[in-house]
Amino acid sequence: MKTREQIIAEINAKMADVFEIDEATITPEATISETLELDSISLVDLVSIVHQDYGIKISKEDLTQIITFNNLYDYIETHQKS
């Protein structure tokens, strides 16, 4: 299992690369949709990245609860397979 620090580093780097933003704008308290300027297609990309990189499928219900990057880190940390 990856540590929270590893998850944070990987997610931040991947999001900055895929969504072409400055990694420094990604903070635990930042709102994902605003920081990444997500539309419905970008949201699919985000879910796909988590699935590909961590083997975690985010349900529609769970996705509505993931607002900040901290929520995303928590979700990955608690749902990753050992």
PDB file of N, CA and C in Angstrom:
ATOM      1  N   MET A   1       0.835  -1.195   0.000  1.00  0.00           N
ATOM      2  CA  MET A   1       0.000   0.000   0.000  1.00  0.00           C
ATOM      3  C   MET A   1       0.871   1.247   0.000  1.00  0.00           C
ATOM      4  N   LYS A   2       0.367   2.249  -0.662  1.00  0.00           N
ATOM      5  CA  LYS A   2       1.111   3.506  -0.718  1.00  0.00           C
ATOM      6  C   LYS A   2       0.772   4.360   0.495  1.00  0.00           C
ATOM      7  N   THR A   3       1.748   5.127   0.915  1.00  0.00           N
ATOM      8  CA  THR A   3       1.517   6.039   2.031  1.00  0.00           C
ATOM      9  C   THR A   3       0.735   7.247   1.534  1.00  0.00           C
ATOM     10  N   ARG A   4       0.164   7.976   2.468  1.00  0.00           N
ATOM     11  CA  ARG A   4      -0.572   9.190   2.106  1.00  0.00           C
ATOM     12  C   ARG A   4       0.351  10.161   1.368  1.00  0.00           C
ATOM     13  N   GLU A   5       1.584  10.271   1.827  1.00  0.00           N
ATOM     14  CA  GLU A   5       2.536  11.184   1.181  1.00  0.00           C
ATOM     15  C   GLU A   5       2.797  10.776  -0.268  1.00  0.00           C
ATOM     16  N   GLN A   6       2.913   9.466  -0.511  1.00  0.00           N
ATOM     17  CA  GLN A   6       3.116   8.982  -1.878  1.00  0.00           C
ATOM     18  C   GLN A   6       1.894   9.288  -2.745  1.00  0.00           C
ATOM     19  N   ILE A   7       0.724   9.062  -2.185  1.00  0.00           N
ATOM     20  CA  ILE A   7      -0.523   9.328  -2.917  1.00  0.00           C
ATOM     21  C   ILE A   7      -0.607  10.804  -3.293  1.00  0.00           C
ATOM     22  N   ILE A   8      -0.334  11.677  -2.329  1.00  0.00           N
ATOM     23  CA  ILE A   8      -0.404  13.119  -2.572  1.00  0.00           C
ATOM     24  C   ILE A   8       0.579  13.524  -3.666  1.00  0.00           C
ATOM     25  N   ALA A   9       1.813  13.067  -3.566  1.00  0.00           N
ATOM     26  CA  ALA A   9       2.833  13.414  -4.556  1.00  0.00           C
ATOM     27  C   ALA A   9       2.438  12.928  -5.951  1.00  0.00           C
ATOM     28  N   GLU A  10       1.972  11.693  -6.043  1.00  0.00           N
ATOM     29  CA  GLU A  10       1.600  11.124  -7.337  1.00  0.00           C
ATOM     30  C   GLU A  10       0.387  11.830  -7.939  1.00  0.00           C
ATOM     31  N   ILE A  11      -0.643  12.022  -7.146  1.00  0.00           N
ATOM     32  CA  ILE A  11      -1.864  12.668  -7.642  1.00  0.00           C
ATOM     33  C   ILE A  11      -1.570  14.094  -8.089  1.00  0.00           C
ATOM     34  N   ASN A  12      -0.852  14.838  -7.266  1.00  0.00           N
ATOM     35  CA  ASN A  12      -0.556  16.229  -7.624  1.00  0.00           C
ATOM     36  C   ASN A  12       0.242  16.312  -8.916  1.00  0.00           C
ATOM     37  N   ALA A  13       1.258  15.470  -9.059  1.00  0.00           N
ATOM     38  CA  ALA A  13       2.080  15.482 -10.271  1.00  0.00           C
ATOM     39  C   ALA A  13       1.255  15.093 -11.489  1.00  0.00           C
ATOM     40  N   LYS A  14       0.440  14.062 -11.351  1.00  0.00           N
ATOM     41  CA  LYS A  14      -0.373  13.582 -12.468  1.00  0.00           C
ATOM     42  C   LYS A  14      -1.415  14.618 -12.885  1.00  0.00           C
ATOM     43  N   MET A  15      -2.081  15.223 -11.916  1.00  0.00           N
ATOM     44  CA  MET A  15      -3.108  16.227 -12.227  1.00  0.00           C
ATOM     45  C   MET A  15      -2.479  17.452 -12.898  1.00  0.00           C
ATOM     46  N   ALA A  16      -1.341  17.881 -12.396  1.00  0.00           N
ATOM     47  CA  ALA A  16      -0.654  19.036 -12.995  1.00  0.00           C
ATOM     48  C   ALA A  16      -0.290  18.748 -14.439  1.00  0.00           C
ATOM     49  N   ASP A  17       0.175  17.519 -14.697  1.00  0.00           N
ATOM     50  CA  ASP A  17       0.568  17.136 -16.048  1.00  0.00           C
ATOM     51  C   ASP A  17      -0.642  17.003 -16.970  1.00  0.00           C
ATOM     52  N   VAL A  18      -1.625  16.235 -16.559  1.00  0.00           N
ATOM     53  CA  VAL A  18      -2.787  15.952 -17.411  1.00  0.00           C
ATOM     54  C   VAL A  18      -3.622  17.205 -17.670  1.00  0.00           C
ATOM     55  N   PHE A  19      -3.836  18.002 -16.618  1.00  0.00           N
ATOM     56  CA  PHE A  19      -4.699  19.167 -16.759  1.00  0.00           C
ATOM     57  C   PHE A  19      -3.924  20.461 -17.037  1.00  0.00           C
ATOM     58  N   GLU A  20      -2.598  20.312 -17.204  1.00  0.00           N
ATOM     59  CA  GLU A  20      -1.720  21.420 -17.592  1.00  0.00           C
ATOM     60  C   GLU A  20      -1.880  22.637 -16.689  1.00  0.00           C
ATOM     61  N   ILE A  21      -1.694  22.391 -15.383  1.00  0.00           N
ATOM     62  CA  ILE A  21      -1.738  23.477 -14.412  1.00  0.00           C
ATOM     63  C   ILE A  21      -0.473  23.427 -13.568  1.00  0.00           C
ATOM     64  N   ASP A  22      -0.226  24.491 -12.840  1.00  0.00           N
ATOM     65  CA  ASP A  22       0.920  24.566 -11.949  1.00  0.00           C
ATOM     66  C   ASP A  22       0.641  23.693 -10.725  1.00  0.00           C
ATOM     67  N   GLU A  23       1.543  22.769 -10.447  1.00  0.00           N
ATOM     68  CA  GLU A  23       1.354  21.862  -9.317  1.00  0.00           C
ATOM     69  C   GLU A  23       1.194  22.615  -7.998  1.00  0.00           C
ATOM     70  N   ALA A  24       1.753  23.787  -7.909  1.00  0.00           N
ATOM     71  CA  ALA A  24       1.657  24.587  -6.676  1.00  0.00           C
ATOM     72  C   ALA A  24       0.220  25.021  -6.381  1.00  0.00           C
ATOM     73  N   THR A  25      -0.646  25.016  -7.384  1.00  0.00           N
ATOM     74  CA  THR A  25      -2.048  25.406  -7.157  1.00  0.00           C
ATOM     75  C   THR A  25      -2.853  24.269  -6.533  1.00  0.00           C
ATOM     76  N   ILE A  26      -2.282  23.088  -6.495  1.00  0.00           N
ATOM     77  CA  ILE A  26      -2.978  21.930  -5.923  1.00  0.00           C
ATOM     78  C   ILE A  26      -2.628  21.825  -4.448  1.00  0.00           C
ATOM     79  N   THR A  27      -3.595  22.187  -3.611  1.00  0.00           N
ATOM     80  CA  THR A  27      -3.420  22.091  -2.167  1.00  0.00           C
ATOM     81  C   THR A  27      -4.528  21.211  -1.613  1.00  0.00           C
ATOM     82  N   PRO A  28      -4.344  20.649  -0.430  1.00  0.00           N
ATOM     83  CA  PRO A  28      -5.384  19.772   0.137  1.00  0.00           C
ATOM     84  C   PRO A  28      -6.757  20.429   0.224  1.00  0.00           C
ATOM     85  N   GLU A  29      -6.793  21.727   0.510  1.00  0.00           N
ATOM     86  CA  GLU A  29      -8.065  22.422   0.684  1.00  0.00           C
ATOM     87  C   GLU A  29      -8.676  22.918  -0.625  1.00  0.00           C
ATOM     88  N   ALA A  30      -7.903  22.886  -1.705  1.00  0.00           N
ATOM     89  CA  ALA A  30      -8.382  23.405  -2.992  1.00  0.00           C
ATOM     90  C   ALA A  30      -9.535  22.556  -3.522  1.00  0.00           C
ATOM     91  N   THR A  31     -10.501  23.235  -4.120  1.00  0.00           N
ATOM     92  CA  THR A  31     -11.629  22.555  -4.741  1.00  0.00           C
ATOM     93  C   THR A  31     -11.176  21.972  -6.074  1.00  0.00           C
ATOM     94  N   ILE A  32     -11.402  20.685  -6.256  1.00  0.00           N
ATOM     95  CA  ILE A  32     -10.931  20.001  -7.465  1.00  0.00           C
ATOM     96  C   ILE A  32     -11.515  20.619  -8.731  1.00  0.00           C
ATOM     97  N   SER A  33     -12.823  20.799  -8.756  1.00  0.00           N
ATOM     98  CA  SER A  33     -13.467  21.286  -9.981  1.00  0.00           C
ATOM     99  C   SER A  33     -12.982  22.669 -10.371  1.00  0.00           C
ATOM    100  N   GLU A  34     -12.747  23.546  -9.395  1.00  0.00           N
ATOM    101  CA  GLU A  34     -12.269  24.891  -9.707  1.00  0.00           C
ATOM    102  C   GLU A  34     -10.791  24.881 -10.097  1.00  0.00           C
ATOM    103  N   THR A  35      -9.984  24.145  -9.351  1.00  0.00           N
ATOM    104  CA  THR A  35      -8.544  24.114  -9.614  1.00  0.00           C
ATOM    105  C   THR A  35      -8.242  23.520 -10.982  1.00  0.00           C
ATOM    106  N   LEU A  36      -8.922  22.431 -11.316  1.00  0.00           N
ATOM    107  CA  LEU A  36      -8.673  21.755 -12.593  1.00  0.00           C
ATOM    108  C   LEU A  36      -9.579  22.267 -13.712  1.00  0.00           C
ATOM    109  N   GLU A  37     -10.496  23.185 -13.359  1.00  0.00           N
ATOM    110  CA  GLU A  37     -11.472  23.704 -14.319  1.00  0.00           C
ATOM    111  C   GLU A  37     -12.180  22.549 -15.030  1.00  0.00           C
ATOM    112  N   LEU A  38     -12.773  21.677 -14.232  1.00  0.00           N
ATOM    113  CA  LEU A  38     -13.374  20.460 -14.764  1.00  0.00           C
ATOM    114  C   LEU A  38     -14.697  20.705 -15.456  1.00  0.00           C
ATOM    115  N   ASP A  39     -14.859  20.046 -16.590  1.00  0.00           N
ATOM    116  CA  ASP A  39     -16.161  19.904 -17.218  1.00  0.00           C
ATOM    117  C   ASP A  39     -16.474  18.411 -17.163  1.00  0.00           C
ATOM    118  N   SER A  40     -17.548  17.983 -17.750  1.00  0.00           N
ATOM    119  CA  SER A  40     -17.942  16.576 -17.625  1.00  0.00           C
ATOM    120  C   SER A  40     -16.915  15.629 -18.239  1.00  0.00           C
ATOM    121  N   ILE A  41     -16.279  16.030 -19.314  1.00  0.00           N
ATOM    122  CA  ILE A  41     -15.272  15.177 -19.949  1.00  0.00           C
ATOM    123  C   ILE A  41     -14.026  15.090 -19.065  1.00  0.00           C
ATOM    124  N   SER A  42     -13.610  16.208 -18.504  1.00  0.00           N
ATOM    125  CA  SER A  42     -12.451  16.219 -17.619  1.00  0.00           C
ATOM    126  C   SER A  42     -12.692  15.393 -16.369  1.00  0.00           C
ATOM    127  N   LEU A  43     -13.923  15.387 -15.909  1.00  0.00           N
ATOM    128  CA  LEU A  43     -14.272  14.591 -14.742  1.00  0.00           C
ATOM    129  C   LEU A  43     -14.084  13.105 -15.041  1.00  0.00           C
ATOM    130  N   VAL A  44     -14.434  12.697 -16.234  1.00  0.00           N
ATOM    131  CA  VAL A  44     -14.221  11.312 -16.666  1.00  0.00           C
ATOM    132  C   VAL A  44     -12.723  11.007 -16.673  1.00  0.00           C
ATOM    133  N   ASP A  45     -11.926  11.957 -17.122  1.00  0.00           N
ATOM    134  CA  ASP A  45     -10.467  11.784 -17.114  1.00  0.00           C
ATOM    135  C   ASP A  45      -9.954  11.570 -15.692  1.00  0.00           C
ATOM    136  N   LEU A  46     -10.450  12.355 -14.763  1.00  0.00           N
ATOM    137  CA  LEU A  46     -10.031  12.237 -13.367  1.00  0.00           C
ATOM    138  C   LEU A  46     -10.364  10.854 -12.810  1.00  0.00           C
ATOM    139  N   VAL A  47     -11.576  10.404 -13.034  1.00  0.00           N
ATOM    140  CA  VAL A  47     -12.001   9.086 -12.565  1.00  0.00           C
ATOM    141  C   VAL A  47     -11.162   7.991 -13.222  1.00  0.00           C
ATOM    142  N   SER A  48     -10.871   8.164 -14.499  1.00  0.00           N
ATOM    143  CA  SER A  48     -10.060   7.197 -15.247  1.00  0.00           C
ATOM    144  C   SER A  48      -8.638   7.113 -14.694  1.00  0.00           C
ATOM    145  N   ILE A  49      -8.063   8.256 -14.368  1.00  0.00           N
ATOM    146  CA  ILE A  49      -6.707   8.285 -13.807  1.00  0.00           C
ATOM    147  C   ILE A  49      -6.660   7.507 -12.498  1.00  0.00           C
ATOM    148  N   VAL A  50      -7.614   7.747 -11.631  1.00  0.00           N
ATOM    149  CA  VAL A  50      -7.644   7.047 -10.335  1.00  0.00           C
ATOM    150  C   VAL A  50      -7.806   5.548 -10.560  1.00  0.00           C
ATOM    151  N   HIS A  51      -8.636   5.176 -11.516  1.00  0.00           N
ATOM    152  CA  HIS A  51      -8.840   3.752 -11.800  1.00  0.00           C
ATOM    153  C   HIS A  51      -7.576   3.116 -12.364  1.00  0.00           C
ATOM    154  N   GLN A  52      -6.942   3.776 -13.319  1.00  0.00           N
ATOM    155  CA  GLN A  52      -5.737   3.225 -13.939  1.00  0.00           C
ATOM    156  C   GLN A  52      -4.571   3.149 -12.963  1.00  0.00           C
ATOM    157  N   ASP A  53      -4.371   4.214 -12.204  1.00  0.00           N
ATOM    158  CA  ASP A  53      -3.197   4.286 -11.332  1.00  0.00           C
ATOM    159  C   ASP A  53      -3.347   3.518 -10.019  1.00  0.00           C
ATOM    160  N   TYR A  54      -4.576   3.401  -9.541  1.00  0.00           N
ATOM    161  CA  TYR A  54      -4.782   2.782  -8.218  1.00  0.00           C
ATOM    162  C   TYR A  54      -5.736   1.592  -8.231  1.00  0.00           C
ATOM    163  N   GLY A  55      -6.347   1.304  -9.370  1.00  0.00           N
ATOM    164  CA  GLY A  55      -7.284   0.185  -9.442  1.00  0.00           C
ATOM    165  C   GLY A  55      -8.554   0.438  -8.660  1.00  0.00           C
ATOM    166  N   ILE A  56      -8.900   1.710  -8.470  1.00  0.00           N
ATOM    167  CA  ILE A  56     -10.078   2.078  -7.687  1.00  0.00           C
ATOM    168  C   ILE A  56     -11.135   2.660  -8.617  1.00  0.00           C
ATOM    169  N   LYS A  57     -12.327   2.092  -8.562  1.00  0.00           N
ATOM    170  CA  LYS A  57     -13.446   2.635  -9.322  1.00  0.00           C
ATOM    171  C   LYS A  57     -14.235   3.535  -8.381  1.00  0.00           C
ATOM    172  N   ILE A  58     -14.404   4.791  -8.787  1.00  0.00           N
ATOM    173  CA  ILE A  58     -15.164   5.741  -7.975  1.00  0.00           C
ATOM    174  C   ILE A  58     -16.611   5.722  -8.458  1.00  0.00           C
ATOM    175  N   SER A  59     -17.529   5.396  -7.565  1.00  0.00           N
ATOM    176  CA  SER A  59     -18.950   5.375  -7.931  1.00  0.00           C
ATOM    177  C   SER A  59     -19.467   6.810  -8.084  1.00  0.00           C
ATOM    178  N   LYS A  60     -20.582   6.946  -8.783  1.00  0.00           N
ATOM    179  CA  LYS A  60     -21.175   8.271  -8.972  1.00  0.00           C
ATOM    180  C   LYS A  60     -21.526   8.887  -7.621  1.00  0.00           C
ATOM    181  N   GLU A  61     -22.037   8.056  -6.720  1.00  0.00           N
ATOM    182  CA  GLU A  61     -22.416   8.537  -5.400  1.00  0.00           C
ATOM    183  C   GLU A  61     -21.192   9.046  -4.639  1.00  0.00           C
ATOM    184  N   ASP A  62     -20.107   8.294  -4.687  1.00  0.00           N
ATOM    185  CA  ASP A  62     -18.881   8.701  -4.000  1.00  0.00           C
ATOM    186  C   ASP A  62     -18.288   9.955  -4.635  1.00  0.00           C
ATOM    187  N   LEU A  63     -18.381  10.047  -5.942  1.00  0.00           N
ATOM    188  CA  LEU A  63     -17.800  11.182  -6.656  1.00  0.00           C
ATOM    189  C   LEU A  63     -18.417  12.499  -6.196  1.00  0.00           C
ATOM    190  N   THR A  64     -19.694  12.477  -5.869  1.00  0.00           N
ATOM    191  CA  THR A  64     -20.347  13.710  -5.417  1.00  0.00           C
ATOM    192  C   THR A  64     -19.812  14.169  -4.062  1.00  0.00           C
ATOM    193  N   GLN A  65     -19.174  13.266  -3.316  1.00  0.00           N
ATOM    194  CA  GLN A  65     -18.623  13.605  -2.005  1.00  0.00           C
ATOM    195  C   GLN A  65     -17.161  14.049  -2.070  1.00  0.00           C
ATOM    196  N   ILE A  66     -16.539  13.882  -3.222  1.00  0.00           N
ATOM    197  CA  ILE A  66     -15.131  14.248  -3.385  1.00  0.00           C
ATOM    198  C   ILE A  66     -15.076  15.671  -3.941  1.00  0.00           C
ATOM    199  N   ILE A  67     -14.899  16.613  -3.032  1.00  0.00           N
ATOM    200  CA  ILE A  67     -14.931  18.027  -3.402  1.00  0.00           C
ATOM    201  C   ILE A  67     -13.523  18.618  -3.469  1.00  0.00           C
ATOM    202  N   THR A  68     -12.741  18.350  -2.442  1.00  0.00           N
ATOM    203  CA  THR A  68     -11.386  18.913  -2.358  1.00  0.00           C
ATOM    204  C   THR A  68     -10.351  17.831  -2.675  1.00  0.00           C
ATOM    205  N   PHE A  69      -9.132  18.267  -2.870  1.00  0.00           N
ATOM    206  CA  PHE A  69      -8.061  17.296  -3.092  1.00  0.00           C
ATOM    207  C   PHE A  69      -7.871  16.421  -1.854  1.00  0.00           C
ATOM    208  N   ASN A  70      -8.083  16.996  -0.676  1.00  0.00           N
ATOM    209  CA  ASN A  70      -7.978  16.208   0.556  1.00  0.00           C
ATOM    210  C   ASN A  70      -8.991  15.064   0.544  1.00  0.00           C
ATOM    211  N   ASN A  71     -10.218  15.343   0.059  1.00  0.00           N
ATOM    212  CA  ASN A  71     -11.227  14.288  -0.075  1.00  0.00           C
ATOM    213  C   ASN A  71     -10.745  13.188  -1.018  1.00  0.00           C
ATOM    214  N   LEU A  72     -10.097  13.591  -2.109  1.00  0.00           N
ATOM    215  CA  LEU A  72      -9.584  12.625  -3.078  1.00  0.00           C
ATOM    216  C   LEU A  72      -8.477  11.775  -2.473  1.00  0.00           C
ATOM    217  N   TYR A  73      -7.544  12.432  -1.762  1.00  0.00           N
ATOM    218  CA  TYR A  73      -6.460  11.683  -1.113  1.00  0.00           C
ATOM    219  C   TYR A  73      -7.043  10.680  -0.112  1.00  0.00           C
ATOM    220  N   ASP A  74      -8.008  11.137   0.683  1.00  0.00           N
ATOM    221  CA  ASP A  74      -8.649  10.261   1.678  1.00  0.00           C
ATOM    222  C   ASP A  74      -9.294   9.054   1.001  1.00  0.00           C
ATOM    223  N   TYR A  75      -9.999   9.329  -0.081  1.00  0.00           N
ATOM    224  CA  TYR A  75     -10.713   8.272  -0.804  1.00  0.00           C
ATOM    225  C   TYR A  75      -9.737   7.223  -1.315  1.00  0.00           C
ATOM    226  N   ILE A  76      -8.676   7.668  -1.947  1.00  0.00           N
ATOM    227  CA  ILE A  76      -7.680   6.743  -2.482  1.00  0.00           C
ATOM    228  C   ILE A  76      -7.024   5.970  -1.345  1.00  0.00           C
ATOM    229  N   GLU A  77      -6.661   6.676  -0.278  1.00  0.00           N
ATOM    230  CA  GLU A  77      -5.990   6.039   0.840  1.00  0.00           C
ATOM    231  C   GLU A  77      -6.859   4.940   1.475  1.00  0.00           C
ATOM    232  N   THR A  78      -8.154   5.191   1.602  1.00  0.00           N
ATOM    233  CA  THR A  78      -9.030   4.205   2.251  1.00  0.00           C
ATOM    234  C   THR A  78      -9.505   3.102   1.310  1.00  0.00           C
ATOM    235  N   HIS A  79      -9.431   3.335   0.009  1.00  0.00           N
ATOM    236  CA  HIS A  79      -9.939   2.329  -0.947  1.00  0.00           C
ATOM    237  C   HIS A  79      -8.840   1.564  -1.679  1.00  0.00           C
ATOM    238  N   GLN A  80      -7.592   1.922  -1.470  1.00  0.00           N
ATOM    239  CA  GLN A  80      -6.531   1.214  -2.196  1.00  0.00           C
ATOM    240  C   GLN A  80      -6.432  -0.231  -1.708  1.00  0.00           C
ATOM    241  N   LYS A  81      -6.047  -1.065  -2.624  1.00  0.00           N
ATOM    242  CA  LYS A  81      -5.916  -2.494  -2.305  1.00  0.00           C
ATOM    243  C   LYS A  81      -4.518  -2.762  -1.783  1.00  0.00           C
ATOM    244  N   SER A  82      -4.438  -3.608  -0.786  1.00  0.00           N
ATOM    245  CA  SER A  82      -3.128  -3.900  -0.185  1.00  0.00           C
ATOM    246  C   SER A  82      -2.353  -4.910  -1.000  1.00  0.00           C
TER     247      SER A  82
END
